[in-house]
């Protein structure tokens, strides 16, 4: 079995880091919409940081959106 050259190993490491970064950048907007739709609207409007989890819990926005489409 051949030994993997250090440049190949470095490339693989940097490639994984770059692809993981791209995955996070693409996945975050989707998660933001999902978390915002199940968060409490009043608490969400007062939030000034990144949304990594739902704030409070309320389905008011989701229910309002469903009622508007009927």
Protein backbone atom coordinates (compact mmCIF):
# COMPACT_ATOMS: atom_id res chain seq x y z
CA UNK A 1 0.00 0.00 0.00
CA UNK A 2 1.37 3.42 -0.96
CA UNK A 3 1.81 6.19 1.56
CA UNK A 4 -0.40 9.26 0.94
CA UNK A 5 1.66 12.32 0.14
CA UNK A 6 1.34 15.27 2.55
CA UNK A 7 0.05 17.57 -0.20
CA UNK A 8 -2.77 15.15 -1.01
CA UNK A 9 -3.66 14.91 2.67
CA UNK A 10 -3.64 18.72 2.98
CA UNK A 11 -5.83 19.04 -0.10
CA UNK A 12 -8.34 16.55 1.30
CA UNK A 13 -8.44 18.38 4.64
CA UNK A 14 -8.97 21.79 3.03
CA UNK A 15 -11.53 20.33 0.64
CA UNK A 16 -13.58 18.93 3.53
CA UNK A 17 -13.40 22.27 5.36
CA UNK A 18 -14.49 24.22 2.29
CA UNK A 19 -17.39 21.88 1.52
CA UNK A 20 -18.54 21.89 5.15
CA UNK A 21 -18.48 25.71 5.11
CA UNK A 22 -20.50 25.81 1.90
CA UNK A 23 -23.00 23.33 3.39
CA UNK A 24 -23.46 25.50 6.49
CA UNK A 25 -23.91 28.66 4.44
CA UNK A 26 -26.53 26.97 2.29
CA UNK A 27 -28.35 25.23 5.10
CA UNK A 28 -28.63 28.17 7.51
CA UNK A 29 -31.29 30.18 5.56
CA UNK A 30 -33.52 27.10 5.44
CA UNK A 31 -33.11 26.51 9.18
CA UNK A 32 -33.75 30.21 9.88
CA UNK A 33 -37.11 30.07 8.09
CA UNK A 34 -38.12 26.87 9.90
CA UNK A 35 -37.06 28.21 13.32
CA UNK A 36 -38.69 31.60 12.71
CA UNK A 37 -41.96 29.96 11.70
CA UNK A 38 -42.24 28.06 14.99
CA UNK A 39 -40.87 30.82 17.26
CA UNK A 40 -42.90 33.30 19.28
CA UNK A 41 -43.30 36.38 17.01
CA UNK A 42 -42.84 38.94 19.81
CA UNK A 43 -39.65 37.32 21.08
CA UNK A 44 -38.39 36.87 17.52
CA UNK A 45 -38.76 40.58 16.75
CA UNK A 46 -36.72 41.42 19.87
CA UNK A 47 -33.93 39.03 18.92
CA UNK A 48 -30.82 40.69 17.49
CA UNK A 49 -28.52 37.67 17.29
CA UNK A 50 -28.34 34.67 14.99
CA UNK A 51 -31.23 32.25 15.23
CA UNK A 52 -29.74 28.84 16.10
CA UNK A 53 -32.87 27.44 17.75
CA UNK A 54 -36.53 28.43 18.06
CA UNK A 55 -37.20 31.26 20.52
CA UNK A 56 -40.14 30.31 22.66
CA UNK A 57 -42.65 28.16 20.83
CA UNK A 58 -45.65 29.32 18.91
CA UNK A 59 -47.40 28.10 15.80
CA UNK A 60 -49.19 31.45 15.35
CA UNK A 61 -47.18 32.42 12.27
CA UNK A 62 -47.67 29.03 10.68
CA UNK A 63 -51.40 28.98 11.43
CA UNK A 64 -51.77 32.56 10.16
CA UNK A 65 -50.03 31.57 6.91
CA UNK A 66 -52.33 28.59 6.42
CA UNK A 67 -55.44 30.69 7.10
CA UNK A 68 -54.32 33.33 4.58
CA UNK A 69 -53.98 30.78 1.78
CA UNK A 70 -57.54 29.42 2.21
